[in-house]
Structures are given as C-alpha cells and as structure tokens.
Amino acid sequence: MDKVTQETEGKEKQRNILAIFFVLAVLTIFLYPVAKLYWAKRNVSLFCAQVEGNMTASEIEAAARALGLKFSKYPVNSSEPEQLSAWQGWIFARYNCTLYYKAGKLISKGIILLD
C-alpha cells in the first residue's frame, strides 16, 4: 500500500465514524421525545385507572409518585370540589390525570393532553 491509499482509507474511516455518530445523535434527538411521551401517556393512564373512590389523597399521591408522576393538590374553598392532579410529559406536551373530590368522594376523573 502506498501512502496516498493509506491516507484515503484513514479519511474514509473517519467519515464513516462521524456519519455513524451523526445518525445516532439524530435518532436520539428524535426518539427520546417520542419515547418520553409514550411513557408519560402509559403511566398517567395506568394511574388514572388505579384510582378508586375510597382512596385518600395521601394514597393517591403515593400511587402517583410510585409511577414517577408529578403530583399537585389544589386548595379550593369548601363549596368547590377538591382537585388533585398527576402528570408527566416532555417540554410542553404533558399528559394529565385530574381528579375531583367532594366530601371525600371521587366525583370525576379524566385524562387530558396539555400542550
């Protein structure tokens, strides 16, 4: 092999490595958000299905945290239902399970996608 052939093969190997790295980086950039939103939808749906009317707020919060969800309890006055919310998502797209309680009883629940 002469010197020119060796240099050409070396540059070709570098280009191949850079191309592989670029493809992997692009796939990661595009696949991570899709996977994160799939995971969020699955866990929020699972959480919302698990919630039963006789669960306390602390049991609900524990169930949400066990699935890796964020949890909020919104204070309201006594005439309005208490609102509990568990969510997860990526950047602006968030799946949210909102629960409404009145007098310690679950009156409604639902999943929405906030974006």
PDB file of N, CA and C in Angstrom:
ATOM      1  N   MET A   1       0.843  -1.187   0.000  1.00  0.00           N
ATOM      2  CA  MET A   1       0.000   0.000   0.000  1.00  0.00           C
ATOM      3  C   MET A   1       0.882   1.243   0.000  1.00  0.00           C
ATOM      4  N   ASP A   2       0.486   2.165  -0.805  1.00  0.00           N
ATOM      5  CA  ASP A   2       1.267   3.397  -0.792  1.00  0.00           C
ATOM      6  C   ASP A   2       0.654   4.404   0.179  1.00  0.00           C
ATOM      7  N   LYS A   3       1.374   5.475   0.374  1.00  0.00           N
ATOM      8  CA  LYS A   3       0.986   6.480   1.376  1.00  0.00           C
ATOM      9  C   LYS A   3      -0.359   7.132   1.047  1.00  0.00           C
ATOM     10  N   VAL A   4      -0.626   7.395  -0.208  1.00  0.00           N
ATOM     11  CA  VAL A   4      -1.872   8.049  -0.633  1.00  0.00           C
ATOM     12  C   VAL A   4      -3.071   7.142  -0.334  1.00  0.00           C
ATOM     13  N   THR A   5      -2.939   5.865  -0.587  1.00  0.00           N
ATOM     14  CA  THR A   5      -4.019   4.914  -0.331  1.00  0.00           C
ATOM     15  C   THR A   5      -4.312   4.825   1.161  1.00  0.00           C
ATOM     16  N   GLN A   6      -3.261   4.811   1.976  1.00  0.00           N
ATOM     17  CA  GLN A   6      -3.441   4.756   3.435  1.00  0.00           C
ATOM     18  C   GLN A   6      -4.143   6.004   3.958  1.00  0.00           C
ATOM     19  N   GLU A   7      -3.775   7.166   3.446  1.00  0.00           N
ATOM     20  CA  GLU A   7      -4.408   8.422   3.872  1.00  0.00           C
ATOM     21  C   GLU A   7      -5.880   8.447   3.460  1.00  0.00           C
ATOM     22  N   THR A   8      -6.168   7.968   2.260  1.00  0.00           N
ATOM     23  CA  THR A   8      -7.546   7.932   1.763  1.00  0.00           C
ATOM     24  C   THR A   8      -8.399   6.998   2.616  1.00  0.00           C
ATOM     25  N   GLU A   9      -7.862   5.823   2.947  1.00  0.00           N
ATOM     26  CA  GLU A   9      -8.593   4.879   3.793  1.00  0.00           C
ATOM     27  C   GLU A   9      -8.800   5.436   5.194  1.00  0.00           C
ATOM     28  N   GLY A  10      -7.803   6.124   5.721  1.00  0.00           N
ATOM     29  CA  GLY A  10      -7.922   6.743   7.051  1.00  0.00           C
ATOM     30  C   GLY A  10      -9.007   7.807   7.079  1.00  0.00           C
ATOM     31  N   LYS A  11      -9.049   8.643   6.046  1.00  0.00           N
ATOM     32  CA  LYS A  11     -10.079   9.690   5.967  1.00  0.00           C
ATOM     33  C   LYS A  11     -11.467   9.074   5.793  1.00  0.00           C
ATOM     34  N   GLU A  12     -11.533   7.986   5.040  1.00  0.00           N
ATOM     35  CA  GLU A  12     -12.808   7.298   4.829  1.00  0.00           C
ATOM     36  C   GLU A  12     -13.332   6.711   6.147  1.00  0.00           C
ATOM     37  N   LYS A  13     -12.444   6.124   6.931  1.00  0.00           N
ATOM     38  CA  LYS A  13     -12.833   5.595   8.242  1.00  0.00           C
ATOM     39  C   LYS A  13     -13.340   6.707   9.147  1.00  0.00           C
ATOM     40  N   GLN A  14     -12.665   7.848   9.140  1.00  0.00           N
ATOM     41  CA  GLN A  14     -13.099   8.990   9.953  1.00  0.00           C
ATOM     42  C   GLN A  14     -14.493   9.445   9.535  1.00  0.00           C
ATOM     43  N   ARG A  15     -14.703   9.546   8.219  1.00  0.00           N
ATOM     44  CA  ARG A  15     -16.019   9.965   7.731  1.00  0.00           C
ATOM     45  C   ARG A  15     -17.103   8.969   8.129  1.00  0.00           C
ATOM     46  N   ASN A  16     -16.793   7.691   8.054  1.00  0.00           N
ATOM     47  CA  ASN A  16     -17.762   6.662   8.446  1.00  0.00           C
ATOM     48  C   ASN A  16     -18.093   6.765   9.933  1.00  0.00           C
ATOM     49  N   ILE A  17     -17.098   6.969  10.766  1.00  0.00           N
ATOM     50  CA  ILE A  17     -17.326   7.114  12.208  1.00  0.00           C
ATOM     51  C   ILE A  17     -18.163   8.355  12.488  1.00  0.00           C
ATOM     52  N   LEU A  18     -17.836   9.461  11.832  1.00  0.00           N
ATOM     53  CA  LEU A  18     -18.622  10.691  12.013  1.00  0.00           C
ATOM     54  C   LEU A  18     -20.055  10.507  11.522  1.00  0.00           C
ATOM     55  N   ALA A  19     -20.243   9.806  10.412  1.00  0.00           N
ATOM     56  CA  ALA A  19     -21.594   9.568   9.891  1.00  0.00           C
ATOM     57  C   ALA A  19     -22.396   8.715  10.870  1.00  0.00           C
ATOM     58  N   ILE A  20     -21.779   7.679  11.415  1.00  0.00           N
ATOM     59  CA  ILE A  20     -22.466   6.832  12.396  1.00  0.00           C
ATOM     60  C   ILE A  20     -22.832   7.646  13.625  1.00  0.00           C
ATOM     61  N   PHE A  21     -21.902   8.451  14.122  1.00  0.00           N
ATOM     62  CA  PHE A  21     -22.169   9.301  15.286  1.00  0.00           C
ATOM     63  C   PHE A  21     -23.308  10.268  14.999  1.00  0.00           C
ATOM     64  N   PHE A  22     -23.304  10.873  13.814  1.00  0.00           N
ATOM     65  CA  PHE A  22     -24.350  11.824  13.439  1.00  0.00           C
ATOM     66  C   PHE A  22     -25.714  11.145  13.394  1.00  0.00           C
ATOM     67  N   VAL A  23     -25.786   9.973  12.778  1.00  0.00           N
ATOM     68  CA  VAL A  23     -27.051   9.234  12.683  1.00  0.00           C
ATOM     69  C   VAL A  23     -27.554   8.875  14.080  1.00  0.00           C
ATOM     70  N   LEU A  24     -26.670   8.394  14.940  1.00  0.00           N
ATOM     71  CA  LEU A  24     -27.068   8.052  16.307  1.00  0.00           C
ATOM     72  C   LEU A  24     -27.551   9.284  17.077  1.00  0.00           C
ATOM     73  N   ALA A  25     -26.875  10.409  16.898  1.00  0.00           N
ATOM     74  CA  ALA A  25     -27.282  11.639  17.578  1.00  0.00           C
ATOM     75  C   ALA A  25     -28.665  12.096  17.107  1.00  0.00           C
ATOM     76  N   VAL A  26     -28.898  12.058  15.801  1.00  0.00           N
ATOM     77  CA  VAL A  26     -30.195  12.466  15.253  1.00  0.00           C
ATOM     78  C   VAL A  26     -31.299  11.525  15.740  1.00  0.00           C
ATOM     79  N   LEU A  27     -31.037  10.229  15.725  1.00  0.00           N
ATOM     80  CA  LEU A  27     -32.034   9.276  16.221  1.00  0.00           C
ATOM     81  C   LEU A  27     -32.358   9.527  17.687  1.00  0.00           C
ATOM     82  N   THR A  28     -31.347   9.787  18.480  1.00  0.00           N
ATOM     83  CA  THR A  28     -31.564  10.068  19.902  1.00  0.00           C
ATOM     84  C   THR A  28     -32.396  11.326  20.080  1.00  0.00           C
ATOM     85  N   ILE A  29     -32.074  12.348  19.344  1.00  0.00           N
ATOM     86  CA  ILE A  29     -32.799  13.621  19.461  1.00  0.00           C
ATOM     87  C   ILE A  29     -34.276  13.457  19.110  1.00  0.00           C
ATOM     88  N   PHE A  30     -34.578  12.625  18.114  1.00  0.00           N
ATOM     89  CA  PHE A  30     -35.962  12.460  17.694  1.00  0.00           C
ATOM     90  C   PHE A  30     -36.703  11.351  18.439  1.00  0.00           C
ATOM     91  N   LEU A  31     -36.012  10.325  18.850  1.00  0.00           N
ATOM     92  CA  LEU A  31     -36.682   9.206  19.506  1.00  0.00           C
ATOM     93  C   LEU A  31     -36.938   9.460  20.994  1.00  0.00           C
ATOM     94  N   TYR A  32     -36.084  10.213  21.665  1.00  0.00           N
ATOM     95  CA  TYR A  32     -36.280  10.453  23.091  1.00  0.00           C
ATOM     96  C   TYR A  32     -37.632  11.115  23.379  1.00  0.00           C
ATOM     97  N   PRO A  33     -37.999  12.200  22.700  1.00  0.00           N
ATOM     98  CA  PRO A  33     -39.305  12.803  22.991  1.00  0.00           C
ATOM     99  C   PRO A  33     -40.475  11.849  22.734  1.00  0.00           C
ATOM    100  N   VAL A  34     -40.392  11.058  21.674  1.00  0.00           N
ATOM    101  CA  VAL A  34     -41.463  10.111  21.368  1.00  0.00           C
ATOM    102  C   VAL A  34     -41.572   9.073  22.484  1.00  0.00           C
ATOM    103  N   ALA A  35     -40.431   8.547  22.903  1.00  0.00           N
ATOM    104  CA  ALA A  35     -40.428   7.548  23.982  1.00  0.00           C
ATOM    105  C   ALA A  35     -40.910   8.159  25.291  1.00  0.00           C
ATOM    106  N   LYS A  36     -40.497   9.374  25.584  1.00  0.00           N
ATOM    107  CA  LYS A  36     -40.896  10.046  26.830  1.00  0.00           C
ATOM    108  C   LYS A  36     -42.408  10.281  26.854  1.00  0.00           C
ATOM    109  N   LEU A  37     -42.986  10.706  25.750  1.00  0.00           N
ATOM    110  CA  LEU A  37     -44.434  10.927  25.700  1.00  0.00           C
ATOM    111  C   LEU A  37     -45.207   9.618  25.763  1.00  0.00           C
ATOM    112  N   TYR A  38     -44.684   8.574  25.145  1.00  0.00           N
ATOM    113  CA  TYR A  38     -45.325   7.263  25.248  1.00  0.00           C
ATOM    114  C   TYR A  38     -45.337   6.802  26.703  1.00  0.00           C
ATOM    115  N   TRP A  39     -44.194   6.932  27.362  1.00  0.00           N
ATOM    116  CA  TRP A  39     -44.078   6.547  28.776  1.00  0.00           C
ATOM    117  C   TRP A  39     -45.041   7.368  29.632  1.00  0.00           C
ATOM    118  N   ALA A  40     -45.111   8.671  29.370  1.00  0.00           N
ATOM    119  CA  ALA A  40     -45.998   9.546  30.144  1.00  0.00           C
ATOM    120  C   ALA A  40     -47.460   9.135  29.957  1.00  0.00           C
ATOM    121  N   LYS A  41     -47.872   8.911  28.725  1.00  0.00           N
ATOM    122  CA  LYS A  41     -49.264   8.527  28.465  1.00  0.00           C
ATOM    123  C   LYS A  41     -49.601   7.200  29.145  1.00  0.00           C
ATOM    124  N   ARG A  42     -48.693   6.239  29.035  1.00  0.00           N
ATOM    125  CA  ARG A  42     -48.916   4.924  29.636  1.00  0.00           C
ATOM    126  C   ARG A  42     -49.043   5.027  31.157  1.00  0.00           C
ATOM    127  N   ASN A  43     -48.133   5.744  31.795  1.00  0.00           N
ATOM    128  CA  ASN A  43     -48.158   5.825  33.264  1.00  0.00           C
ATOM    129  C   ASN A  43     -49.319   6.663  33.787  1.00  0.00           C
ATOM    130  N   VAL A  44     -49.654   7.736  33.098  1.00  0.00           N
ATOM    131  CA  VAL A  44     -50.788   8.556  33.531  1.00  0.00           C
ATOM    132  C   VAL A  44     -52.087   7.770  33.361  1.00  0.00           C
ATOM    133  N   SER A  45     -52.212   7.041  32.256  1.00  0.00           N
ATOM    134  CA  SER A  45     -53.417   6.222  32.044  1.00  0.00           C
ATOM    135  C   SER A  45     -53.522   5.127  33.099  1.00  0.00           C
ATOM    136  N   LEU A  46     -52.401   4.489  33.400  1.00  0.00           N
ATOM    137  CA  LEU A  46     -52.379   3.447  34.426  1.00  0.00           C
ATOM    138  C   LEU A  46     -52.765   4.017  35.790  1.00  0.00           C
ATOM    139  N   PHE A  47     -52.212   5.170  36.112  1.00  0.00           N
ATOM    140  CA  PHE A  47     -52.535   5.819  37.385  1.00  0.00           C
ATOM    141  C   PHE A  47     -54.022   6.148  37.471  1.00  0.00           C
ATOM    142  N   CYS A  48     -54.545   6.753  36.429  1.00  0.00           N
ATOM    143  CA  CYS A  48     -55.953   7.173  36.441  1.00  0.00           C
ATOM    144  C   CYS A  48     -56.874   5.963  36.576  1.00  0.00           C
ATOM    145  N   ALA A  49     -56.508   4.844  35.963  1.00  0.00           N
ATOM    146  CA  ALA A  49     -57.317   3.629  36.069  1.00  0.00           C
ATOM    147  C   ALA A  49     -57.243   3.029  37.478  1.00  0.00           C
ATOM    148  N   GLN A  50     -56.123   3.217  38.165  1.00  0.00           N
ATOM    149  CA  GLN A  50     -55.932   2.667  39.510  1.00  0.00           C
ATOM    150  C   GLN A  50     -56.742   3.404  40.581  1.00  0.00           C
ATOM    151  N   VAL A  51     -56.991   4.672  40.362  1.00  0.00           N
ATOM    152  CA  VAL A  51     -57.629   5.497  41.392  1.00  0.00           C
ATOM    153  C   VAL A  51     -59.074   5.041  41.609  1.00  0.00           C
ATOM    154  N   GLU A  52     -59.384   4.814  42.859  1.00  0.00           N
ATOM    155  CA  GLU A  52     -60.739   4.410  43.233  1.00  0.00           C
ATOM    156  C   GLU A  52     -61.326   5.460  44.164  1.00  0.00           C
ATOM    157  N   GLY A  53     -62.643   5.475  44.244  1.00  0.00           N
ATOM    158  CA  GLY A  53     -63.343   6.485  45.027  1.00  0.00           C
ATOM    159  C   GLY A  53     -63.051   6.469  46.514  1.00  0.00           C
ATOM    160  N   ASN A  54     -62.611   5.347  47.070  1.00  0.00           N
ATOM    161  CA  ASN A  54     -62.381   5.277  48.510  1.00  0.00           C
ATOM    162  C   ASN A  54     -60.933   5.562  48.900  1.00  0.00           C
ATOM    163  N   MET A  55     -60.076   5.963  47.940  1.00  0.00           N
ATOM    164  CA  MET A  55     -58.684   6.254  48.251  1.00  0.00           C
ATOM    165  C   MET A  55     -58.553   7.645  48.853  1.00  0.00           C
ATOM    166  N   THR A  56     -57.640   7.792  49.809  1.00  0.00           N
ATOM    167  CA  THR A  56     -57.371   9.109  50.401  1.00  0.00           C
ATOM    168  C   THR A  56     -56.390   9.865  49.512  1.00  0.00           C
ATOM    169  N   ALA A  57     -56.283  11.167  49.765  1.00  0.00           N
ATOM    170  CA  ALA A  57     -55.366  11.999  48.984  1.00  0.00           C
ATOM    171  C   ALA A  57     -53.925  11.508  49.137  1.00  0.00           C
ATOM    172  N   SER A  58     -53.543  11.076  50.330  1.00  0.00           N
ATOM    173  CA  SER A  58     -52.170  10.604  50.529  1.00  0.00           C
ATOM    174  C   SER A  58     -51.929   9.278  49.795  1.00  0.00           C
ATOM    175  N   GLU A  59     -52.935   8.415  49.721  1.00  0.00           N
ATOM    176  CA  GLU A  59     -52.799   7.172  48.958  1.00  0.00           C
ATOM    177  C   GLU A  59     -52.689   7.461  47.457  1.00  0.00           C
ATOM    178  N   ILE A  60     -53.446   8.436  47.019  1.00  0.00           N
ATOM    179  CA  ILE A  60     -53.399   8.831  45.610  1.00  0.00           C
ATOM    180  C   ILE A  60     -52.025   9.410  45.276  1.00  0.00           C
ATOM    181  N   GLU A  61     -51.527  10.265  46.141  1.00  0.00           N
ATOM    182  CA  GLU A  61     -50.206  10.848  45.913  1.00  0.00           C
ATOM    183  C   GLU A  61     -49.132   9.761  45.892  1.00  0.00           C
ATOM    184  N   ALA A  62     -49.212   8.800  46.805  1.00  0.00           N
ATOM    185  CA  ALA A  62     -48.239   7.708  46.840  1.00  0.00           C
ATOM    186  C   ALA A  62     -48.293   6.880  45.551  1.00  0.00           C
ATOM    187  N   ALA A  63     -49.496   6.634  45.043  1.00  0.00           N
ATOM    188  CA  ALA A  63     -49.642   5.874  43.794  1.00  0.00           C
ATOM    189  C   ALA A  63     -49.034   6.643  42.616  1.00  0.00           C
ATOM    190  N   ALA A  64     -49.246   7.949  42.593  1.00  0.00           N
ATOM    191  CA  ALA A  64     -48.687   8.783  41.520  1.00  0.00           C
ATOM    192  C   ALA A  64     -47.168   8.779  41.578  1.00  0.00           C
ATOM    193  N   ARG A  65     -46.626   8.983  42.741  1.00  0.00           N
ATOM    194  CA  ARG A  65     -45.162   9.027  42.895  1.00  0.00           C
ATOM    195  C   ARG A  65     -44.530   7.662  42.601  1.00  0.00           C
ATOM    196  N   ALA A  66     -45.224   6.578  42.917  1.00  0.00           N
ATOM    197  CA  ALA A  66     -44.708   5.236  42.628  1.00  0.00           C
ATOM    198  C   ALA A  66     -44.542   5.013  41.129  1.00  0.00           C
ATOM    199  N   LEU A  67     -45.352   5.691  40.323  1.00  0.00           N
ATOM    200  CA  LEU A  67     -45.246   5.587  38.871  1.00  0.00           C
ATOM    201  C   LEU A  67     -44.341   6.663  38.279  1.00  0.00           C
ATOM    202  N   GLY A  68     -43.724   7.467  39.132  1.00  0.00           N
ATOM    203  CA  GLY A  68     -42.826   8.511  38.654  1.00  0.00           C
ATOM    204  C   GLY A  68     -43.529   9.752  38.147  1.00  0.00           C
ATOM    205  N   LEU A  69     -44.776   9.954  38.565  1.00  0.00           N
ATOM    206  CA  LEU A  69     -45.546  11.115  38.117  1.00  0.00           C
ATOM    207  C   LEU A  69     -45.375  12.271  39.088  1.00  0.00           C
ATOM    208  N   LYS A  70     -45.553  13.458  38.567  1.00  0.00           N
ATOM    209  CA  LYS A  70     -45.585  14.646  39.419  1.00  0.00           C
ATOM    210  C   LYS A  70     -47.004  14.787  39.941  1.00  0.00           C
ATOM    211  N   PHE A  71     -47.148  15.358  41.123  1.00  0.00           N
ATOM    212  CA  PHE A  71     -48.455  15.393  41.779  1.00  0.00           C
ATOM    213  C   PHE A  71     -48.706  16.768  42.376  1.00  0.00           C
ATOM    214  N   SER A  72     -49.928  17.239  42.245  1.00  0.00           N
ATOM    215  CA  SER A  72     -50.334  18.513  42.854  1.00  0.00           C
ATOM    216  C   SER A  72     -51.717  18.379  43.456  1.00  0.00           C
ATOM    217  N   LYS A  73     -51.899  19.081  44.534  1.00  0.00           N
ATOM    218  CA  LYS A  73     -53.210  19.166  45.182  1.00  0.00           C
ATOM    219  C   LYS A  73     -53.533  20.653  45.236  1.00  0.00           C
ATOM    220  N   TYR A  74     -54.652  21.003  44.660  1.00  0.00           N
ATOM    221  CA  TYR A  74     -55.011  22.410  44.569  1.00  0.00           C
ATOM    222  C   TYR A  74     -56.023  22.769  45.649  1.00  0.00           C
ATOM    223  N   PRO A  75     -55.682  23.739  46.471  1.00  0.00           N
ATOM    224  CA  PRO A  75     -56.629  24.146  47.516  1.00  0.00           C
ATOM    225  C   PRO A  75     -57.816  24.887  46.903  1.00  0.00           C
ATOM    226  N   VAL A  76     -58.965  24.577  47.405  1.00  0.00           N
ATOM    227  CA  VAL A  76     -60.186  25.244  46.949  1.00  0.00           C
ATOM    228  C   VAL A  76     -61.033  25.583  48.165  1.00  0.00           C
ATOM    229  N   ASN A  77     -62.031  26.409  47.956  1.00  0.00           N
ATOM    230  CA  ASN A  77     -62.927  26.707  49.075  1.00  0.00           C
ATOM    231  C   ASN A  77     -63.892  25.546  49.268  1.00  0.00           C
ATOM    232  N   SER A  78     -64.606  25.546  50.346  1.00  0.00           N
ATOM    233  CA  SER A  78     -65.434  24.398  50.728  1.00  0.00           C
ATOM    234  C   SER A  78     -66.604  24.127  49.781  1.00  0.00           C
ATOM    235  N   SER A  79     -67.003  25.099  48.971  1.00  0.00           N
ATOM    236  CA  SER A  79     -68.138  24.876  48.074  1.00  0.00           C
ATOM    237  C   SER A  79     -67.728  24.188  46.768  1.00  0.00           C
ATOM    238  N   GLU A  80     -66.439  24.137  46.475  1.00  0.00           N
ATOM    239  CA  GLU A  80     -65.972  23.535  45.229  1.00  0.00           C
ATOM    240  C   GLU A  80     -65.315  22.182  45.494  1.00  0.00           C
ATOM    241  N   PRO A  81     -65.296  21.314  44.507  1.00  0.00           N
ATOM    242  CA  PRO A  81     -64.612  20.032  44.676  1.00  0.00           C
ATOM    243  C   PRO A  81     -63.102  20.233  44.808  1.00  0.00           C
ATOM    244  N   GLU A  82     -62.479  19.350  45.563  1.00  0.00           N
ATOM    245  CA  GLU A  82     -61.027  19.366  45.700  1.00  0.00           C
ATOM    246  C   GLU A  82     -60.434  18.800  44.409  1.00  0.00           C
ATOM    247  N   GLN A  83     -59.357  19.411  43.926  1.00  0.00           N
ATOM    248  CA  GLN A  83     -58.745  18.962  42.675  1.00  0.00           C
ATOM    249  C   GLN A  83     -57.357  18.396  42.950  1.00  0.00           C
ATOM    250  N   LEU A  84     -57.131  17.161  42.490  1.00  0.00           N
ATOM    251  CA  LEU A  84     -55.829  16.509  42.578  1.00  0.00           C
ATOM    252  C   LEU A  84     -55.378  16.234  41.149  1.00  0.00           C
ATOM    253  N   SER A  85     -54.092  16.367  40.909  1.00  0.00           N
ATOM    254  CA  SER A  85     -53.609  16.202  39.552  1.00  0.00           C
ATOM    255  C   SER A  85     -52.268  15.476  39.545  1.00  0.00           C
ATOM    256  N   ALA A  86     -52.121  14.516  38.651  1.00  0.00           N
ATOM    257  CA  ALA A  86     -50.852  13.814  38.448  1.00  0.00           C
ATOM    258  C   ALA A  86     -50.502  13.937  36.967  1.00  0.00           C
ATOM    259  N   TRP A  87     -49.245  14.249  36.667  1.00  0.00           N
ATOM    260  CA  TRP A  87     -48.879  14.451  35.274  1.00  0.00           C
ATOM    261  C   TRP A  87     -47.428  14.067  35.013  1.00  0.00           C
ATOM    262  N   GLN A  88     -47.150  13.928  33.727  1.00  0.00           N
ATOM    263  CA  GLN A  88     -45.802  13.685  33.242  1.00  0.00           C
ATOM    264  C   GLN A  88     -45.811  14.001  31.763  1.00  0.00           C
ATOM    265  N   GLY A  89     -44.676  14.400  31.240  1.00  0.00           N
ATOM    266  CA  GLY A  89     -44.598  14.712  29.819  1.00  0.00           C
ATOM    267  C   GLY A  89     -43.211  15.140  29.426  1.00  0.00           C
ATOM    268  N   TRP A  90     -43.148  15.855  28.327  1.00  0.00           N
ATOM    269  CA  TRP A  90     -41.874  16.333  27.808  1.00  0.00           C
ATOM    270  C   TRP A  90     -42.068  17.739  27.279  1.00  0.00           C
ATOM    271  N   ILE A  91     -41.306  18.652  27.796  1.00  0.00           N
ATOM    272  CA  ILE A  91     -41.347  20.077  27.476  1.00  0.00           C
ATOM    273  C   ILE A  91     -42.779  20.586  27.616  1.00  0.00           C
ATOM    274  N   PHE A  92     -43.461  20.909  26.516  1.00  0.00           N
ATOM    275  CA  PHE A  92     -44.799  21.489  26.626  1.00  0.00           C
ATOM    276  C   PHE A  92     -45.918  20.460  26.528  1.00  0.00           C
ATOM    277  N   ALA A  93     -45.621  19.263  26.095  1.00  0.00           N
ATOM    278  CA  ALA A  93     -46.652  18.222  25.968  1.00  0.00           C
ATOM    279  C   ALA A  93     -46.690  17.416  27.265  1.00  0.00           C
ATOM    280  N   ARG A  94     -47.814  17.489  27.962  1.00  0.00           N
ATOM    281  CA  ARG A  94     -47.943  16.794  29.247  1.00  0.00           C
ATOM    282  C   ARG A  94     -49.275  16.054  29.299  1.00  0.00           C
ATOM    283  N   TYR A  95     -49.209  14.796  29.686  1.00  0.00           N
ATOM    284  CA  TYR A  95     -50.425  14.038  29.974  1.00  0.00           C
ATOM    285  C   TYR A  95     -50.784  14.288  31.424  1.00  0.00           C
ATOM    286  N   ASN A  96     -52.059  14.516  31.672  1.00  0.00           N
ATOM    287  CA  ASN A  96     -52.511  14.926  32.990  1.00  0.00           C
ATOM    288  C   ASN A  96     -53.769  14.140  33.371  1.00  0.00           C
ATOM    289  N   CYS A  97     -53.741  13.539  34.575  1.00  0.00           N
ATOM    290  CA  CYS A  97     -54.938  12.905  35.124  1.00  0.00           C
ATOM    291  C   CYS A  97     -55.436  13.810  36.240  1.00  0.00           C
ATOM    292  N   THR A  98     -56.607  14.359  36.049  1.00  0.00           N
ATOM    293  CA  THR A  98     -57.187  15.261  37.038  1.00  0.00           C
ATOM    294  C   THR A  98     -58.338  14.562  37.739  1.00  0.00           C
ATOM    295  N   LEU A  99     -58.330  14.648  39.067  1.00  0.00           N
ATOM    296  CA  LEU A  99     -59.347  14.005  39.903  1.00  0.00           C
ATOM    297  C   LEU A  99     -60.077  15.083  40.689  1.00  0.00           C
ATOM    298  N   TYR A 100     -61.384  14.956  40.791  1.00  0.00           N
ATOM    299  CA  TYR A 100     -62.191  15.888  41.575  1.00  0.00           C
ATOM    300  C   TYR A 100     -62.878  15.123  42.701  1.00  0.00           C
ATOM    301  N   TYR A 101     -62.684  15.616  43.913  1.00  0.00           N
ATOM    302  CA  TYR A 101     -63.271  15.015  45.105  1.00  0.00           C
ATOM    303  C   TYR A 101     -64.185  16.016  45.774  1.00  0.00           C
ATOM    304  N   LYS A 102     -65.262  15.526  46.323  1.00  0.00           N
ATOM    305  CA  LYS A 102     -66.141  16.364  47.140  1.00  0.00           C
ATOM    306  C   LYS A 102     -66.588  15.514  48.320  1.00  0.00           C
ATOM    307  N   ALA A 103     -66.397  16.035  49.504  1.00  0.00           N
ATOM    308  CA  ALA A 103     -66.751  15.340  50.743  1.00  0.00           C
ATOM    309  C   ALA A 103     -66.078  13.972  50.826  1.00  0.00           C
ATOM    310  N   GLY A 104     -64.824  13.913  50.356  1.00  0.00           N
ATOM    311  CA  GLY A 104     -64.061  12.671  50.439  1.00  0.00           C
ATOM    312  C   GLY A 104     -64.429  11.620  49.423  1.00  0.00           C
ATOM    313  N   LYS A 105     -65.288  11.964  48.445  1.00  0.00           N
ATOM    314  CA  LYS A 105     -65.698  11.000  47.423  1.00  0.00           C
ATOM    315  C   LYS A 105     -65.255  11.483  46.049  1.00  0.00           C
ATOM    316  N   LEU A 106     -64.780  10.554  45.254  1.00  0.00           N
ATOM    317  CA  LEU A 106     -64.380  10.862  43.892  1.00  0.00           C
ATOM    318  C   LEU A 106     -65.635  11.146  43.073  1.00  0.00           C
ATOM    319  N   ILE A 107     -65.687  12.336  42.475  1.00  0.00           N
ATOM    320  CA  ILE A 107     -66.870  12.665  41.667  1.00  0.00           C
ATOM    321  C   ILE A 107     -66.568  12.625  40.169  1.00  0.00           C
ATOM    322  N   SER A 108     -65.290  12.816  39.795  1.00  0.00           N
ATOM    323  CA  SER A 108     -64.930  12.659  38.382  1.00  0.00           C
ATOM    324  C   SER A 108     -63.418  12.576  38.242  1.00  0.00           C
ATOM    325  N   LYS A 109     -63.009  11.988  37.120  1.00  0.00           N
ATOM    326  CA  LYS A 109     -61.588  11.922  36.780  1.00  0.00           C
ATOM    327  C   LYS A 109     -61.467  11.876  35.290  1.00  0.00           C
ATOM    328  N   GLY A 110     -60.343  12.308  34.783  1.00  0.00           N
ATOM    329  CA  GLY A 110     -60.148  12.292  33.347  1.00  0.00           C
ATOM    330  C   GLY A 110     -58.706  12.571  32.982  1.00  0.00           C
ATOM    331  N   ILE A 111     -58.346  12.165  31.774  1.00  0.00           N
ATOM    332  CA  ILE A 111     -57.000  12.380  31.247  1.00  0.00           C
ATOM    333  C   ILE A 111     -57.075  13.379  30.111  1.00  0.00           C
ATOM    334  N   ILE A 112     -56.165  14.339  30.132  1.00  0.00           N
ATOM    335  CA  ILE A 112     -56.077  15.303  29.041  1.00  0.00           C
ATOM    336  C   ILE A 112     -54.615  15.458  28.643  1.00  0.00           C
ATOM    337  N   LEU A 113     -54.389  15.878  27.423  1.00  0.00           N
ATOM    338  CA  LEU A 113     -53.061  16.194  26.932  1.00  0.00           C
ATOM    339  C   LEU A 113     -52.953  17.703  26.855  1.00  0.00           C
ATOM    340  N   LEU A 114     -52.063  18.245  27.654  1.00  0.00           N
ATOM    341  CA  LEU A 114     -51.823  19.682  27.641  1.00  0.00           C
ATOM    342  C   LEU A 114     -50.612  19.954  26.774  1.00  0.00           C
ATOM    343  N   ASP A 115     -50.750  20.865  25.838  1.00  0.00           N
ATOM    344  CA  ASP A 115     -49.568  21.233  25.058  1.00  0.00           C
ATOM    345  C   ASP A 115     -49.510  22.711  24.819  1.00  0.00           C
TER     346      ASP A 115
END
